[in-house]
Amino acid sequence: MQVSKTENLLSPTDLAAWYQSLKPEHLHLIHAKQEIVEEAQQRLLESTASKTQIVSDIANHHNMDRGTLYRWIKKHETEGLYGLRCKSY
């Protein structure tokens, strides 16, 4: 598993405290985002189709904007699970 930049910046204790502080509904939302991002990453590795086509297909399947999925993928790659948080919570 790749370690994100944020996970390098935040201590394991800080990440654990953040994770423990989340309400169940926030955890559910973060994990739902993570599943979609991991689906996209897996299909990008396995498929010969273009990145745009794969992201478009997954975004359409989940009734979301393609730009949102691109942002989630980038944030997950750079910040890990912490990157998928809802900043308003």
N, C-alpha and C. Protein backbone atom coordinates (compact mmCIF):
# COMPACT_ATOMS: atom_id res chain seq x y z
N MET A 1 0.84 -1.19 0.00
CA MET A 1 0.00 0.00 0.00
C MET A 1 0.88 1.24 0.00
N GLN A 2 0.57 2.18 -0.85
CA GLN A 2 1.34 3.41 -0.97
C GLN A 2 0.96 4.37 0.16
N VAL A 3 1.97 5.03 0.72
CA VAL A 3 1.74 6.00 1.78
C VAL A 3 1.60 7.37 1.14
N SER A 4 0.53 8.07 1.48
CA SER A 4 0.27 9.38 0.90
C SER A 4 1.13 10.46 1.55
N LYS A 5 1.19 11.61 0.90
CA LYS A 5 1.94 12.74 1.44
C LYS A 5 1.38 13.18 2.79
N THR A 6 0.06 13.21 2.91
CA THR A 6 -0.57 13.63 4.16
C THR A 6 -0.25 12.64 5.27
N GLU A 7 -0.27 11.36 4.94
CA GLU A 7 0.03 10.35 5.94
C GLU A 7 1.49 10.48 6.41
N ASN A 8 2.36 10.99 5.53
CA ASN A 8 3.74 11.26 5.94
C ASN A 8 3.81 12.50 6.83
N LEU A 9 2.93 13.48 6.58
CA LEU A 9 2.95 14.72 7.35
C LEU A 9 2.28 14.57 8.71
N LEU A 10 1.18 13.83 8.74
CA LEU A 10 0.47 13.61 10.00
C LEU A 10 1.00 12.35 10.67
N SER A 11 1.16 12.43 11.94
CA SER A 11 1.63 11.25 12.67
C SER A 11 0.52 10.20 12.69
N PRO A 12 0.87 8.94 12.88
CA PRO A 12 -0.15 7.91 13.01
C PRO A 12 -1.15 8.22 14.12
N THR A 13 -0.67 8.84 15.18
CA THR A 13 -1.54 9.21 16.29
C THR A 13 -2.56 10.26 15.85
N ASP A 14 -2.09 11.25 15.07
CA ASP A 14 -3.00 12.29 14.57
C ASP A 14 -4.05 11.70 13.63
N LEU A 15 -3.62 10.82 12.73
CA LEU A 15 -4.56 10.19 11.81
C LEU A 15 -5.57 9.33 12.57
N ALA A 16 -5.11 8.60 13.56
CA ALA A 16 -6.00 7.76 14.35
C ALA A 16 -7.01 8.62 15.11
N ALA A 17 -6.55 9.73 15.67
CA ALA A 17 -7.45 10.63 16.40
C ALA A 17 -8.49 11.22 15.45
N TRP A 18 -8.06 11.61 14.25
CA TRP A 18 -9.00 12.16 13.27
C TRP A 18 -10.05 11.10 12.92
N TYR A 19 -9.60 9.89 12.62
CA TYR A 19 -10.49 8.81 12.22
C TYR A 19 -11.49 8.49 13.33
N GLN A 20 -11.01 8.43 14.56
CA GLN A 20 -11.87 8.12 15.70
C GLN A 20 -12.89 9.23 15.98
N SER A 21 -12.57 10.45 15.58
CA SER A 21 -13.47 11.58 15.85
C SER A 21 -14.64 11.66 14.88
N LEU A 22 -14.60 10.88 13.81
CA LEU A 22 -15.64 10.96 12.80
C LEU A 22 -16.94 10.31 13.27
N LYS A 23 -18.04 10.93 12.89
CA LYS A 23 -19.35 10.35 13.16
C LYS A 23 -19.60 9.20 12.18
N PRO A 24 -20.46 8.26 12.53
CA PRO A 24 -20.72 7.12 11.64
C PRO A 24 -21.15 7.52 10.23
N GLU A 25 -21.97 8.56 10.12
CA GLU A 25 -22.42 8.97 8.78
C GLU A 25 -21.27 9.53 7.95
N HIS A 26 -20.29 10.16 8.60
CA HIS A 26 -19.13 10.67 7.88
C HIS A 26 -18.23 9.51 7.44
N LEU A 27 -18.06 8.54 8.32
CA LEU A 27 -17.28 7.35 7.97
C LEU A 27 -17.90 6.63 6.79
N HIS A 28 -19.22 6.50 6.79
CA HIS A 28 -19.91 5.83 5.70
C HIS A 28 -19.65 6.56 4.38
N LEU A 29 -19.73 7.88 4.40
CA LEU A 29 -19.51 8.67 3.19
C LEU A 29 -18.07 8.53 2.69
N ILE A 30 -17.12 8.59 3.60
CA ILE A 30 -15.71 8.45 3.21
C ILE A 30 -15.45 7.07 2.62
N HIS A 31 -16.00 6.04 3.23
CA HIS A 31 -15.80 4.68 2.72
C HIS A 31 -16.50 4.46 1.38
N ALA A 32 -17.64 5.11 1.18
CA ALA A 32 -18.33 5.02 -0.12
C ALA A 32 -17.47 5.67 -1.20
N LYS A 33 -16.89 6.82 -0.89
CA LYS A 33 -16.00 7.48 -1.85
C LYS A 33 -14.79 6.60 -2.14
N GLN A 34 -14.24 5.99 -1.08
CA GLN A 34 -13.07 5.15 -1.25
C GLN A 34 -13.37 3.97 -2.18
N GLU A 35 -14.52 3.36 -2.04
CA GLU A 35 -14.90 2.24 -2.91
C GLU A 35 -14.96 2.67 -4.37
N ILE A 36 -15.52 3.84 -4.64
CA ILE A 36 -15.62 4.34 -6.01
C ILE A 36 -14.23 4.63 -6.57
N VAL A 37 -13.39 5.27 -5.77
CA VAL A 37 -12.02 5.59 -6.21
C VAL A 37 -11.24 4.31 -6.48
N GLU A 38 -11.35 3.34 -5.60
CA GLU A 38 -10.61 2.09 -5.79
C GLU A 38 -11.12 1.32 -7.00
N GLU A 39 -12.42 1.40 -7.28
CA GLU A 39 -12.97 0.80 -8.49
C GLU A 39 -12.33 1.44 -9.72
N ALA A 40 -12.25 2.77 -9.71
CA ALA A 40 -11.65 3.49 -10.84
C ALA A 40 -10.18 3.11 -10.99
N GLN A 41 -9.45 3.09 -9.89
CA GLN A 41 -8.03 2.76 -9.96
C GLN A 41 -7.80 1.34 -10.48
N GLN A 42 -8.63 0.41 -10.05
CA GLN A 42 -8.51 -0.98 -10.51
C GLN A 42 -8.80 -1.08 -12.00
N ARG A 43 -9.85 -0.44 -12.44
CA ARG A 43 -10.20 -0.49 -13.87
C ARG A 43 -9.14 0.19 -14.72
N LEU A 44 -8.54 1.26 -14.20
CA LEU A 44 -7.47 1.94 -14.94
C LEU A 44 -6.26 1.03 -15.12
N LEU A 45 -5.98 0.20 -14.13
CA LEU A 45 -4.86 -0.73 -14.22
C LEU A 45 -5.14 -1.88 -15.18
N GLU A 46 -6.38 -2.35 -15.20
CA GLU A 46 -6.73 -3.56 -15.95
C GLU A 46 -7.18 -3.30 -17.38
N SER A 47 -7.66 -2.13 -17.67
CA SER A 47 -8.30 -1.87 -18.96
C SER A 47 -7.36 -1.23 -19.97
N THR A 48 -7.68 -1.47 -21.22
CA THR A 48 -6.94 -0.80 -22.31
C THR A 48 -7.69 0.44 -22.79
N ALA A 49 -8.86 0.66 -22.25
CA ALA A 49 -9.64 1.84 -22.63
C ALA A 49 -8.96 3.10 -22.09
N SER A 50 -9.33 4.24 -22.64
CA SER A 50 -8.72 5.50 -22.21
C SER A 50 -9.16 5.85 -20.79
N LYS A 51 -8.33 6.62 -20.12
CA LYS A 51 -8.63 7.07 -18.76
C LYS A 51 -9.94 7.85 -18.74
N THR A 52 -10.12 8.72 -19.74
CA THR A 52 -11.34 9.52 -19.81
C THR A 52 -12.57 8.64 -19.92
N GLN A 53 -12.49 7.60 -20.76
CA GLN A 53 -13.64 6.71 -20.94
C GLN A 53 -13.96 5.94 -19.66
N ILE A 54 -12.93 5.45 -19.00
CA ILE A 54 -13.13 4.69 -17.76
C ILE A 54 -13.74 5.58 -16.69
N VAL A 55 -13.18 6.77 -16.50
CA VAL A 55 -13.69 7.69 -15.48
C VAL A 55 -15.12 8.10 -15.82
N SER A 56 -15.38 8.35 -17.09
CA SER A 56 -16.74 8.72 -17.51
C SER A 56 -17.74 7.61 -17.21
N ASP A 57 -17.36 6.37 -17.54
CA ASP A 57 -18.24 5.23 -17.29
C ASP A 57 -18.55 5.07 -15.80
N ILE A 58 -17.53 5.15 -14.97
CA ILE A 58 -17.72 4.99 -13.53
C ILE A 58 -18.53 6.15 -12.96
N ALA A 59 -18.23 7.37 -13.40
CA ALA A 59 -18.98 8.53 -12.93
C ALA A 59 -20.45 8.42 -13.31
N ASN A 60 -20.72 8.03 -14.54
CA ASN A 60 -22.11 7.87 -14.98
C ASN A 60 -22.81 6.78 -14.18
N HIS A 61 -22.11 5.69 -13.92
CA HIS A 61 -22.69 4.57 -13.16
C HIS A 61 -23.10 5.01 -11.75
N HIS A 62 -22.33 5.92 -11.18
CA HIS A 62 -22.59 6.38 -9.81
C HIS A 62 -23.32 7.73 -9.78
N ASN A 63 -23.83 8.16 -10.94
CA ASN A 63 -24.58 9.42 -11.04
C ASN A 63 -23.82 10.60 -10.46
N MET A 64 -22.58 10.74 -10.88
CA MET A 64 -21.76 11.84 -10.39
C MET A 64 -21.03 12.51 -11.55
N ASP A 65 -20.50 13.67 -11.28
CA ASP A 65 -19.76 14.42 -12.28
C ASP A 65 -18.37 13.81 -12.46
N ARG A 66 -17.91 13.76 -13.69
CA ARG A 66 -16.59 13.20 -13.98
C ARG A 66 -15.49 13.99 -13.26
N GLY A 67 -15.62 15.31 -13.21
CA GLY A 67 -14.64 16.15 -12.53
C GLY A 67 -14.52 15.82 -11.05
N THR A 68 -15.65 15.51 -10.43
CA THR A 68 -15.64 15.12 -9.02
C THR A 68 -14.84 13.85 -8.82
N LEU A 69 -15.05 12.89 -9.69
CA LEU A 69 -14.31 11.62 -9.57
C LEU A 69 -12.81 11.85 -9.79
N TYR A 70 -12.45 12.67 -10.76
CA TYR A 70 -11.03 13.00 -10.95
C TYR A 70 -10.43 13.63 -9.68
N ARG A 71 -11.16 14.54 -9.05
CA ARG A 71 -10.68 15.18 -7.81
C ARG A 71 -10.50 14.15 -6.70
N TRP A 72 -11.49 13.27 -6.55
CA TRP A 72 -11.40 12.25 -5.51
C TRP A 72 -10.19 11.36 -5.74
N ILE A 73 -9.95 10.95 -6.98
CA ILE A 73 -8.80 10.09 -7.29
C ILE A 73 -7.51 10.81 -6.92
N LYS A 74 -7.39 12.06 -7.33
CA LYS A 74 -6.18 12.82 -7.04
C LYS A 74 -5.98 13.00 -5.53
N LYS A 75 -7.06 13.37 -4.82
CA LYS A 75 -6.95 13.56 -3.37
C LYS A 75 -6.61 12.25 -2.66
N HIS A 76 -7.18 11.15 -3.12
CA HIS A 76 -6.89 9.85 -2.51
C HIS A 76 -5.43 9.47 -2.74
N GLU A 77 -4.92 9.76 -3.94
CA GLU A 77 -3.52 9.45 -4.25
C GLU A 77 -2.56 10.30 -3.43
N THR A 78 -2.91 11.57 -3.19
CA THR A 78 -1.98 12.46 -2.48
C THR A 78 -2.18 12.48 -0.97
N GLU A 79 -3.42 12.25 -0.50
CA GLU A 79 -3.70 12.37 0.93
C GLU A 79 -4.26 11.11 1.57
N GLY A 80 -4.48 10.08 0.79
CA GLY A 80 -5.05 8.86 1.33
C GLY A 80 -6.51 9.05 1.75
N LEU A 81 -6.94 8.27 2.70
CA LEU A 81 -8.32 8.33 3.19
C LEU A 81 -8.67 9.73 3.69
N TYR A 82 -7.69 10.40 4.27
CA TYR A 82 -7.90 11.76 4.79
C TYR A 82 -8.32 12.72 3.66
N GLY A 83 -7.86 12.48 2.45
CA GLY A 83 -8.21 13.32 1.31
C GLY A 83 -9.66 13.21 0.88
N LEU A 84 -10.34 12.14 1.30
CA LEU A 84 -11.73 11.93 0.92
C LEU A 84 -12.72 12.48 1.95
N ARG A 85 -12.17 13.14 2.96
CA ARG A 85 -13.04 13.68 4.01
C ARG A 85 -13.90 14.82 3.45
N CYS A 86 -14.99 15.07 4.13
CA CYS A 86 -15.84 16.23 3.83
C CYS A 86 -15.33 17.36 4.71
N LYS A 87 -14.78 18.36 4.10
CA LYS A 87 -14.12 19.42 4.87
C LYS A 87 -15.10 20.22 5.73
N SER A 88 -16.39 20.13 5.43
CA SER A 88 -17.37 20.87 6.22
C SER A 88 -17.70 20.17 7.54
N TYR A 89 -17.24 18.94 7.72
CA TYR A 89 -17.54 18.20 8.96
C TYR A 89 -16.45 18.44 9.97
